[in-house]
């Protein structure tokens, strides 16, 4: 798929410089950046959905002490 994007001059300059210095295509860095951004945004959406479930009482939470007891941990770091 081909997508056309208008970049601000400074961003274009930085991308050009990076591509020249590394010998990689600009499209490589654009794909990498977009993938990282989308993953971060998806994580944020998931976290917000989980937070909403916690606040509404639909998601159960546990204290550290309860988890340690359930797992038979004494809390000491070794």
N, C-alpha and C. Protein backbone atom coordinates (compact mmCIF):
# COMPACT_ATOMS: atom_id res chain seq x y z
N UNK A 1 0.84 -1.17 0.00
CA UNK A 1 0.00 0.00 0.00
C UNK A 1 0.89 1.24 0.00
N UNK A 2 0.52 2.21 -0.75
CA UNK A 2 1.25 3.46 -0.79
C UNK A 2 0.41 4.54 -0.12
N UNK A 3 1.06 5.30 0.76
CA UNK A 3 0.40 6.40 1.46
C UNK A 3 1.27 7.64 1.28
N UNK A 4 0.64 8.76 1.00
CA UNK A 4 1.37 10.02 0.88
C UNK A 4 1.16 10.82 2.15
N UNK A 5 2.27 11.31 2.71
CA UNK A 5 2.22 12.09 3.94
C UNK A 5 3.05 13.35 3.75
N UNK A 6 2.52 14.48 4.15
CA UNK A 6 3.28 15.73 4.11
C UNK A 6 3.97 15.90 5.46
N UNK A 7 5.29 16.04 5.42
CA UNK A 7 6.06 16.19 6.65
C UNK A 7 6.52 17.63 6.79
N UNK A 8 6.56 18.13 8.02
CA UNK A 8 7.17 19.45 8.24
C UNK A 8 8.63 19.41 7.80
N UNK A 9 9.15 20.55 7.37
CA UNK A 9 10.52 20.61 6.84
C UNK A 9 11.55 20.03 7.80
N UNK A 10 11.44 20.36 9.08
CA UNK A 10 12.42 19.88 10.06
C UNK A 10 12.38 18.36 10.19
N UNK A 11 11.20 17.80 10.20
CA UNK A 11 11.07 16.35 10.29
C UNK A 11 11.62 15.69 9.03
N UNK A 12 11.36 16.28 7.88
CA UNK A 12 11.89 15.77 6.61
C UNK A 12 13.42 15.81 6.62
N UNK A 13 13.98 16.90 7.13
CA UNK A 13 15.44 17.03 7.20
C UNK A 13 16.04 15.96 8.09
N UNK A 14 15.41 15.73 9.24
CA UNK A 14 15.91 14.72 10.16
C UNK A 14 15.83 13.33 9.56
N UNK A 15 14.73 13.04 8.89
CA UNK A 15 14.55 11.75 8.25
C UNK A 15 15.57 11.55 7.13
N UNK A 16 15.78 12.57 6.32
CA UNK A 16 16.78 12.50 5.24
C UNK A 16 18.16 12.23 5.82
N UNK A 17 18.50 12.97 6.87
CA UNK A 17 19.83 12.81 7.49
C UNK A 17 20.01 11.40 8.03
N UNK A 18 19.01 10.90 8.71
CA UNK A 18 19.08 9.55 9.27
C UNK A 18 19.25 8.50 8.17
N UNK A 19 18.49 8.64 7.11
CA UNK A 19 18.58 7.68 6.00
C UNK A 19 19.95 7.72 5.35
N UNK A 20 20.50 8.90 5.16
CA UNK A 20 21.83 9.03 4.55
C UNK A 20 22.90 8.43 5.47
N UNK A 21 22.84 8.77 6.75
CA UNK A 21 23.85 8.30 7.70
C UNK A 21 23.83 6.79 7.89
N UNK A 22 22.68 6.18 7.80
CA UNK A 22 22.58 4.74 8.06
C UNK A 22 22.50 3.89 6.80
N UNK A 23 22.23 4.52 5.67
CA UNK A 23 22.10 3.77 4.43
C UNK A 23 20.79 3.01 4.32
N UNK A 24 19.86 3.32 5.17
CA UNK A 24 18.54 2.68 5.12
C UNK A 24 17.56 3.61 4.41
N UNK A 25 16.51 3.00 3.87
CA UNK A 25 15.49 3.78 3.18
C UNK A 25 14.65 4.57 4.19
N UNK A 26 14.19 5.73 3.77
CA UNK A 26 13.31 6.53 4.63
C UNK A 26 12.06 5.73 4.99
N UNK A 27 11.58 4.94 4.06
CA UNK A 27 10.37 4.16 4.33
C UNK A 27 10.58 3.18 5.48
N UNK A 28 11.81 2.69 5.65
CA UNK A 28 12.12 1.80 6.77
C UNK A 28 11.83 2.50 8.09
N UNK A 29 12.32 3.72 8.24
CA UNK A 29 12.14 4.46 9.48
C UNK A 29 10.70 4.90 9.68
N UNK A 30 10.02 5.23 8.61
CA UNK A 30 8.62 5.62 8.71
C UNK A 30 7.79 4.43 9.18
N UNK A 31 8.05 3.25 8.62
CA UNK A 31 7.32 2.05 9.05
C UNK A 31 7.62 1.72 10.50
N UNK A 32 8.90 1.81 10.89
CA UNK A 32 9.29 1.52 12.28
C UNK A 32 8.59 2.48 13.24
N UNK A 33 8.60 3.76 12.90
CA UNK A 33 7.99 4.77 13.77
C UNK A 33 6.49 4.57 13.88
N UNK A 34 5.84 4.28 12.77
CA UNK A 34 4.40 4.08 12.77
C UNK A 34 4.02 2.84 13.58
N UNK A 35 4.79 1.78 13.42
CA UNK A 35 4.52 0.55 14.18
C UNK A 35 4.66 0.80 15.67
N UNK A 36 5.73 1.48 16.08
CA UNK A 36 5.94 1.77 17.50
C UNK A 36 4.82 2.65 18.05
N UNK A 37 4.42 3.66 17.27
CA UNK A 37 3.36 4.56 17.71
C UNK A 37 2.03 3.81 17.86
N UNK A 38 1.70 2.98 16.88
CA UNK A 38 0.45 2.23 16.95
C UNK A 38 0.44 1.26 18.12
N UNK A 39 1.56 0.61 18.39
CA UNK A 39 1.64 -0.30 19.54
C UNK A 39 1.43 0.47 20.85
N UNK A 40 2.06 1.64 20.96
CA UNK A 40 1.88 2.45 22.16
C UNK A 40 0.43 2.90 22.31
N UNK A 41 -0.19 3.32 21.23
CA UNK A 41 -1.57 3.77 21.28
C UNK A 41 -2.52 2.62 21.63
N UNK A 42 -2.27 1.45 21.06
CA UNK A 42 -3.08 0.27 21.40
C UNK A 42 -2.93 -0.09 22.87
N UNK A 43 -1.70 -0.01 23.40
CA UNK A 43 -1.48 -0.27 24.83
C UNK A 43 -2.24 0.74 25.69
N UNK A 44 -2.23 2.00 25.29
CA UNK A 44 -2.95 3.03 26.03
C UNK A 44 -4.45 2.76 26.03
N UNK A 45 -4.99 2.40 24.87
CA UNK A 45 -6.42 2.10 24.79
C UNK A 45 -6.78 0.91 25.68
N UNK A 46 -5.94 -0.12 25.68
CA UNK A 46 -6.17 -1.29 26.52
C UNK A 46 -6.10 -0.91 28.00
N UNK A 47 -5.12 -0.10 28.36
CA UNK A 47 -4.99 0.34 29.75
C UNK A 47 -6.19 1.16 30.18
N UNK A 48 -6.66 2.05 29.32
CA UNK A 48 -7.83 2.86 29.64
C UNK A 48 -9.08 2.00 29.81
N UNK A 49 -9.23 1.00 28.97
CA UNK A 49 -10.38 0.09 29.08
C UNK A 49 -10.32 -0.69 30.38
N UNK A 50 -9.12 -1.15 30.75
CA UNK A 50 -8.95 -1.89 32.00
C UNK A 50 -9.24 -0.98 33.20
N UNK A 51 -8.73 0.24 33.15
CA UNK A 51 -8.98 1.20 34.23
C UNK A 51 -10.48 1.46 34.39
N UNK A 52 -11.18 1.59 33.29
CA UNK A 52 -12.63 1.81 33.36
C UNK A 52 -13.33 0.61 33.99
N UNK A 53 -12.89 -0.61 33.66
CA UNK A 53 -13.48 -1.81 34.27
C UNK A 53 -13.19 -1.85 35.76
N UNK A 54 -11.98 -1.45 36.16
CA UNK A 54 -11.63 -1.41 37.59
C UNK A 54 -12.52 -0.40 38.31
N UNK A 55 -12.62 0.80 37.75
CA UNK A 55 -13.42 1.86 38.38
C UNK A 55 -14.90 1.50 38.49
N UNK A 56 -15.38 0.75 37.52
CA UNK A 56 -16.80 0.38 37.52
C UNK A 56 -17.07 -0.89 38.33
N UNK A 57 -16.00 -1.50 38.86
CA UNK A 57 -16.16 -2.70 39.67
C UNK A 57 -16.28 -3.99 38.87
N UNK A 58 -16.05 -3.91 37.57
CA UNK A 58 -16.14 -5.10 36.72
C UNK A 58 -14.83 -5.88 36.65
N UNK A 59 -13.77 -5.29 37.16
CA UNK A 59 -12.44 -5.93 37.13
C UNK A 59 -11.97 -6.03 38.57
N UNK A 60 -11.61 -7.23 39.00
CA UNK A 60 -11.16 -7.44 40.37
C UNK A 60 -9.68 -7.08 40.48
N UNK A 61 -9.32 -6.47 41.59
CA UNK A 61 -7.92 -6.14 41.86
C UNK A 61 -7.49 -6.82 43.15
N UNK A 62 -6.19 -6.95 43.31
CA UNK A 62 -5.63 -7.63 44.47
C UNK A 62 -4.50 -6.79 45.04
N UNK A 63 -4.38 -6.78 46.36
CA UNK A 63 -3.25 -6.10 46.99
C UNK A 63 -2.01 -6.98 46.85
N UNK A 64 -0.86 -6.38 47.02
CA UNK A 64 0.39 -7.13 46.98
C UNK A 64 0.39 -8.21 48.05
N UNK A 65 -0.11 -7.89 49.23
CA UNK A 65 -0.13 -8.85 50.33
C UNK A 65 -0.97 -10.08 49.96
N UNK A 66 -2.11 -9.88 49.35
CA UNK A 66 -2.97 -11.00 48.95
C UNK A 66 -2.26 -11.86 47.92
N UNK A 67 -1.60 -11.25 46.96
CA UNK A 67 -0.88 -12.01 45.93
C UNK A 67 0.26 -12.80 46.56
N UNK A 68 1.01 -12.16 47.46
CA UNK A 68 2.10 -12.87 48.14
C UNK A 68 1.56 -14.06 48.92
N UNK A 69 0.46 -13.88 49.61
CA UNK A 69 -0.13 -14.99 50.37
C UNK A 69 -0.60 -16.10 49.45
N UNK A 70 -1.26 -15.76 48.37
CA UNK A 70 -1.76 -16.76 47.42
C UNK A 70 -0.62 -17.58 46.81
N UNK A 71 0.53 -16.91 46.59
CA UNK A 71 1.68 -17.58 45.96
C UNK A 71 2.67 -18.11 46.99
N UNK A 72 2.30 -18.03 48.26
CA UNK A 72 3.18 -18.49 49.35
C UNK A 72 4.55 -17.81 49.29
N UNK A 73 4.54 -16.51 49.08
CA UNK A 73 5.77 -15.72 49.06
C UNK A 73 5.87 -14.94 50.37
N UNK A 74 7.11 -14.79 50.84
CA UNK A 74 7.28 -14.05 52.09
C UNK A 74 7.62 -12.58 51.85
N UNK A 75 7.79 -12.19 50.59
CA UNK A 75 8.08 -10.80 50.28
C UNK A 75 9.55 -10.45 50.32
N UNK A 76 10.41 -11.38 50.74
CA UNK A 76 11.85 -11.11 50.78
C UNK A 76 12.45 -11.23 49.39
N UNK A 77 13.33 -10.29 49.07
CA UNK A 77 14.06 -10.35 47.80
C UNK A 77 15.37 -11.06 48.05
N UNK A 78 15.64 -12.05 47.24
CA UNK A 78 16.88 -12.82 47.43
C UNK A 78 17.78 -12.68 46.25
